[in-house]
């Protein structure tokens, strides 16, 4: 609309300047429009990123009933469906609003604003119950999640299939990579990067039809060599677990908090505050 108005004004001024009432040419009026300079968004340094308020990031694994004789590890990594329902309601009642990695990146790097109480809810390991139980429960509150996919498990019993992954992506959730078969990145040889990093990214892009730009480390473990490889594949953020963020590469060591299956809902809410409000 603005371009049309300027063009009309230019032609109008030239016409009235060139012709008198009797049709005699008087003079030309040159109208010069200065080009608009578009400023590039500010890009924060690592130090500035680390100085910003840390956004809570939750990590879930299993969402199912826990057998009484289950190991301590299984109990820690497994949240019951009832507990998950209570936790989603409690987060909503407390005023939390979910954001996705694109929004977190824009906040950290370009100072884009976020909701008053932002939170990321992430899921590791491609579990089928993430699609069947977690996503519908989050939908009750308008929540969106981040699903990190271990591609070796796609279409296997107990895990999500391609259509479920695409459905999550199509309905506004974020899909990220969690390697091919969950081997820790600190143990890779050169040939492993193609199998564990590049091919899963390409497979997930083929499923979703969207770029895959977010990664979570198996076991939360990382090193400088892994960060360099992940950056080279155009990932924008990589998520660890409870370890301290790296002072040089904070975007590739984003902290997450595992929601323990042994916690009550009030304990979970308190843990968010004590872990991230520092």
Protein backbone atom coordinates (compact mmCIF):
# COMPACT_ATOMS: atom_id res chain seq x y z
CA UNK A 1 0.00 0.00 0.00
CA UNK A 2 2.82 2.43 0.90
CA UNK A 3 4.66 1.74 -2.37
CA UNK A 4 1.45 2.42 -4.38
CA UNK A 5 0.87 5.72 -2.54
CA UNK A 6 4.45 6.88 -3.13
CA UNK A 7 4.28 6.01 -6.83
CA UNK A 8 1.01 7.94 -7.25
CA UNK A 9 2.46 10.96 -5.42
CA UNK A 10 5.55 10.90 -7.63
CA UNK A 11 3.53 10.83 -10.84
CA UNK A 12 1.18 13.54 -9.58
CA UNK A 13 3.98 15.94 -8.67
CA UNK A 14 5.78 15.39 -11.96
CA UNK A 15 2.60 15.99 -13.95
CA UNK A 16 1.67 19.28 -12.26
CA UNK A 17 5.27 20.50 -12.52
CA UNK A 18 5.59 19.72 -16.21
CA UNK A 19 2.40 21.30 -17.52
CA UNK A 20 0.73 24.68 -17.01
CA UNK A 21 -3.00 25.26 -17.42
CA UNK A 22 -2.32 25.99 -21.12
CA UNK A 23 -0.27 22.85 -21.60
CA UNK A 24 3.10 24.65 -21.63
CA UNK A 25 5.98 22.71 -20.18
CA UNK A 26 7.26 24.53 -17.11
CA UNK A 27 9.82 22.29 -15.36
CA UNK A 28 10.49 18.82 -14.02
CA UNK A 29 10.30 18.02 -10.37
CA UNK A 30 12.54 15.18 -9.31
CA UNK A 31 11.22 13.20 -6.40
CA UNK A 32 13.93 11.21 -4.63
CA UNK A 33 12.92 8.50 -2.20
CA UNK A 34 15.73 7.42 0.13
CA UNK A 35 16.15 3.63 0.47
CA UNK A 36 15.04 2.14 3.76
CA UNK A 37 17.85 0.57 5.75
CA UNK A 38 16.84 -2.67 7.49
CA UNK A 39 18.78 -3.27 10.69
CA UNK A 40 19.95 -6.80 11.40
CA UNK A 41 18.65 -8.21 14.69
CA UNK A 42 21.12 -8.00 17.52
CA UNK A 43 23.03 -11.22 18.19
CA UNK A 44 24.00 -11.77 21.81
CA UNK A 45 27.41 -12.99 22.88
CA UNK A 46 27.80 -16.11 25.02
CA UNK A 47 28.26 -13.91 28.08
CA UNK A 48 25.02 -12.06 27.42
CA UNK A 49 23.15 -15.32 26.84
CA UNK A 50 24.39 -16.66 30.16
CA UNK A 51 23.36 -13.46 31.92
CA UNK A 52 19.74 -13.77 30.82
CA UNK A 53 17.10 -15.32 33.06
CA UNK A 54 17.19 -19.08 32.55
CA UNK A 55 13.96 -20.56 31.18
CA UNK A 56 12.68 -23.79 32.82
CA UNK A 57 12.97 -26.87 30.61
CA UNK A 58 11.36 -30.12 31.79
CA UNK A 59 12.36 -33.56 30.53
CA UNK A 60 10.09 -36.61 30.56
CA UNK A 61 10.90 -40.17 29.54
CA UNK A 62 8.37 -42.90 30.42
CA UNK A 63 4.71 -42.12 31.16
CA UNK A 64 3.14 -45.35 32.38
CA UNK A 65 2.31 -47.38 35.46
CA UNK A 66 5.25 -48.42 37.59
CA UNK A 67 5.52 -51.98 38.87
CA UNK A 68 6.19 -52.31 42.62
CA UNK A 69 9.37 -54.31 41.99
CA UNK A 70 10.77 -51.83 39.44
CA UNK A 71 14.34 -50.67 39.92
CA UNK A 72 15.14 -47.28 41.42
CA UNK A 73 16.26 -46.06 37.99
CA UNK A 74 12.99 -47.08 36.33
CA UNK A 75 11.01 -45.40 39.10
CA UNK A 76 13.03 -42.20 38.73
CA UNK A 77 12.51 -42.07 34.94
CA UNK A 78 8.82 -43.08 34.92
CA UNK A 79 5.92 -40.73 35.66
CA UNK A 80 2.49 -42.32 35.97
CA UNK A 81 -0.31 -41.07 33.69
CA UNK A 82 -2.20 -39.77 36.73
CA UNK A 83 0.83 -37.84 37.98
CA UNK A 84 1.40 -36.39 34.51
CA UNK A 85 -2.22 -35.19 34.39
CA UNK A 86 -1.82 -33.53 37.79
CA UNK A 87 1.44 -31.89 36.75
CA UNK A 88 0.02 -30.39 33.54
CA UNK A 89 -2.95 -28.98 35.43
CA UNK A 90 -0.68 -27.60 38.14
CA UNK A 91 1.55 -25.89 35.57
CA UNK A 92 -1.49 -24.30 33.94
CA UNK A 93 -2.96 -23.23 37.28
CA UNK A 94 0.39 -21.66 38.20
CA UNK A 95 0.30 -19.52 35.05
CA UNK A 96 2.97 -21.28 33.00
CA UNK A 97 2.78 -21.05 29.21
CA UNK A 98 4.71 -23.41 26.98
CA UNK A 99 7.13 -22.12 24.39
CA UNK A 100 9.04 -23.99 21.69
CA UNK A 101 12.76 -24.01 20.84
CA UNK A 102 12.37 -21.38 18.10
CA UNK A 103 11.07 -18.96 20.73
CA UNK A 104 13.79 -19.89 23.22
CA UNK A 105 16.47 -19.30 20.57
CA UNK A 106 14.99 -15.91 19.61
CA UNK A 107 14.91 -14.91 23.29
CA UNK A 108 18.47 -15.99 24.02
CA UNK A 109 20.08 -14.69 20.84
CA UNK A 110 17.93 -11.74 19.75
CA UNK A 111 16.19 -10.66 23.00
CA UNK A 112 12.71 -11.45 21.71
CA UNK A 113 10.05 -11.23 24.45
CA UNK A 114 8.49 -14.31 26.04
CA UNK A 115 5.32 -14.88 28.08
CA UNK A 116 5.43 -13.93 31.76
CA UNK A 117 6.01 -17.56 32.87
CA UNK A 118 7.49 -19.51 29.96
CA UNK A 119 8.40 -23.19 30.12
CA UNK A 120 9.55 -25.89 27.69
CA UNK A 121 8.19 -29.42 28.08
CA UNK A 122 10.40 -31.99 26.36
CA UNK A 123 10.21 -35.75 25.83
CA UNK A 124 13.07 -38.14 25.02
CA UNK A 125 13.21 -41.57 23.38
CA UNK A 126 10.21 -41.71 20.98
CA UNK A 127 7.88 -43.47 23.43
CA UNK A 128 4.41 -44.23 22.04
CA UNK A 129 2.76 -42.91 25.19
CA UNK A 130 4.15 -39.47 24.44
CA UNK A 131 1.76 -39.33 21.48
CA UNK A 132 -1.10 -41.30 23.03
CA UNK A 133 -1.12 -39.82 26.55
CA UNK A 134 1.10 -36.76 26.86
CA UNK A 135 0.07 -34.77 23.79
CA UNK A 136 -3.71 -35.03 24.43
CA UNK A 137 -3.24 -34.08 28.08
CA UNK A 138 -1.18 -31.03 27.16
CA UNK A 139 -3.79 -30.03 24.58
CA UNK A 140 -6.31 -29.46 27.40
CA UNK A 141 -4.25 -26.43 28.43
CA UNK A 142 -3.03 -25.26 25.04
CA UNK A 143 0.44 -26.64 25.78
CA UNK A 144 2.92 -27.67 23.09
CA UNK A 145 5.90 -29.97 23.57
CA UNK A 146 9.27 -30.85 22.11
CA UNK A 147 9.68 -34.51 21.12
CA UNK A 148 13.26 -35.72 20.69
CA UNK A 149 13.25 -38.78 18.44
CA UNK A 150 15.63 -41.72 18.58
CA UNK A 151 15.20 -42.85 14.99
CA UNK A 152 16.18 -46.51 15.39
CA UNK A 153 12.97 -47.05 17.35
CA UNK A 154 10.53 -45.50 14.85
CA UNK A 155 7.72 -47.94 13.91
CA UNK A 156 8.76 -50.46 16.55
CA UNK A 157 6.27 -51.79 19.15
CA UNK A 158 5.95 -49.38 22.08
CA UNK A 159 7.40 -46.48 20.10
CA UNK A 160 5.95 -43.85 17.80
CA UNK A 161 5.50 -44.49 14.11
CA UNK A 162 6.18 -42.05 11.28
CA UNK A 163 2.57 -40.89 11.03
CA UNK A 164 2.39 -40.11 14.76
CA UNK A 165 5.60 -38.08 14.56
CA UNK A 166 4.25 -36.17 11.56
CA UNK A 167 0.95 -35.61 13.36
CA UNK A 168 2.76 -34.05 16.32
CA UNK A 169 4.69 -31.77 13.98
CA UNK A 170 1.57 -30.84 11.98
CA UNK A 171 -0.34 -29.90 15.15
CA UNK A 172 2.25 -27.40 16.36
CA UNK A 173 4.64 -29.45 18.44
CA UNK A 174 8.40 -29.41 17.78
CA UNK A 175 10.37 -32.46 16.61
CA UNK A 176 14.06 -32.78 17.42
CA UNK A 177 16.77 -35.40 17.03
CA UNK A 178 17.99 -37.74 19.79
CA UNK A 179 20.52 -39.67 17.63
CA UNK A 180 19.95 -42.97 15.86
CA UNK A 181 20.32 -45.45 18.73
CA UNK A 182 21.09 -43.43 21.87
CA UNK A 183 24.85 -43.93 22.01
CA UNK A 184 26.56 -41.17 23.98
CA UNK A 185 28.18 -38.57 21.73
CA UNK A 186 31.34 -38.49 23.84
CA UNK A 187 32.23 -41.97 22.53
CA UNK A 188 31.80 -41.38 18.77
CA UNK A 189 34.42 -42.09 16.13
CA UNK A 190 34.37 -40.11 12.89
CA UNK A 191 32.09 -42.58 11.08
CA UNK A 192 29.51 -42.37 13.88
CA UNK A 193 28.54 -38.79 13.10
CA UNK A 194 27.00 -39.71 9.77
CA UNK A 195 24.96 -42.51 11.37
CA UNK A 196 24.03 -40.81 14.62
CA UNK A 197 23.67 -37.16 13.63
CA UNK A 198 23.27 -36.50 9.91
CA UNK A 199 21.07 -39.43 8.87
CA UNK A 200 18.56 -39.04 11.74
CA UNK A 201 18.26 -35.35 10.91
CA UNK A 202 17.57 -36.17 7.26
CA UNK A 203 15.07 -38.91 8.16
CA UNK A 204 13.10 -36.64 10.49
CA UNK A 205 13.08 -33.86 7.89
CA UNK A 206 11.64 -36.32 5.37
CA UNK A 207 8.91 -37.33 7.86
CA UNK A 208 7.92 -33.84 9.00
CA UNK A 209 8.71 -31.81 5.88
CA UNK A 210 10.43 -29.26 8.14
CA UNK A 211 14.05 -28.46 9.07
CA UNK A 212 15.30 -30.27 12.17
CA UNK A 213 17.34 -27.76 14.15
CA UNK A 214 17.22 -29.04 17.75
CA UNK A 215 19.08 -31.91 19.39
CA UNK A 216 19.16 -33.59 22.78
CA UNK A 217 22.19 -35.50 24.05
CA UNK A 218 21.73 -39.15 25.08
CA UNK A 219 22.24 -39.33 28.85
CA UNK A 220 22.70 -35.56 28.77
CA UNK A 221 26.42 -35.99 28.08
CA UNK A 222 28.38 -33.75 25.71
CA UNK A 223 31.88 -32.49 24.92
CA UNK A 224 33.47 -29.80 22.75
CA UNK A 225 33.99 -32.17 19.80
CA UNK A 226 30.29 -33.05 19.78
CA UNK A 227 29.26 -29.40 19.87
CA UNK A 228 31.45 -28.64 16.86
CA UNK A 229 29.84 -31.47 14.85
CA UNK A 230 26.31 -30.49 15.88
CA UNK A 231 26.92 -26.88 14.86
CA UNK A 232 28.28 -28.01 11.50
CA UNK A 233 24.92 -29.67 10.74
CA UNK A 234 23.07 -26.38 11.26
CA UNK A 235 21.49 -27.22 14.60
CA UNK A 236 20.58 -24.08 16.57
CA UNK A 237 20.25 -25.48 20.11
CA UNK A 238 21.29 -28.67 21.86
CA UNK A 239 19.79 -29.81 25.16
CA UNK A 240 21.69 -31.52 27.96
CA UNK A 241 20.38 -32.42 31.42
CA UNK A 242 21.40 -31.00 34.77
CA UNK A 243 25.03 -30.21 34.00
CA UNK A 244 26.19 -26.61 34.09
CA UNK A 245 25.98 -24.68 30.81
CA UNK A 246 29.23 -24.21 28.93
CA UNK A 247 30.55 -20.65 29.13
CA UNK A 248 31.62 -20.68 25.46
CA UNK A 249 28.67 -22.58 23.94
CA UNK A 250 25.58 -22.00 26.11
CA UNK A 251 23.25 -22.55 23.14
CA UNK A 252 24.52 -26.11 22.82
CA UNK A 253 24.36 -26.97 26.51
CA UNK A 254 20.82 -25.88 27.41
CA UNK A 255 19.92 -27.32 30.80
CA UNK A 256 16.88 -29.52 31.43
CA UNK A 257 15.37 -30.92 34.60
CA UNK A 258 14.22 -34.56 34.60
CA UNK A 259 10.82 -34.83 36.28
CA UNK A 260 11.35 -37.73 38.66
CA UNK A 261 8.61 -40.31 39.01
CA UNK A 262 9.07 -40.26 42.77
CA UNK A 263 8.09 -36.58 43.07
CA UNK A 264 4.73 -35.26 44.16
CA UNK A 265 3.25 -32.45 42.10
CA UNK A 266 4.13 -29.78 44.73
CA UNK A 267 7.70 -31.12 44.76
CA UNK A 268 7.86 -30.80 40.97
CA UNK A 269 6.67 -27.18 41.11
CA UNK A 270 9.18 -26.33 43.83
CA UNK A 271 11.98 -28.02 41.87
CA UNK A 272 11.29 -25.76 38.88
CA UNK A 273 11.75 -22.70 41.07
CA UNK A 274 14.85 -23.88 42.90
CA UNK A 275 16.51 -25.19 39.73
CA UNK A 276 15.92 -22.32 37.33
CA UNK A 277 15.11 -19.18 39.39
CA UNK A 278 18.70 -18.30 40.28
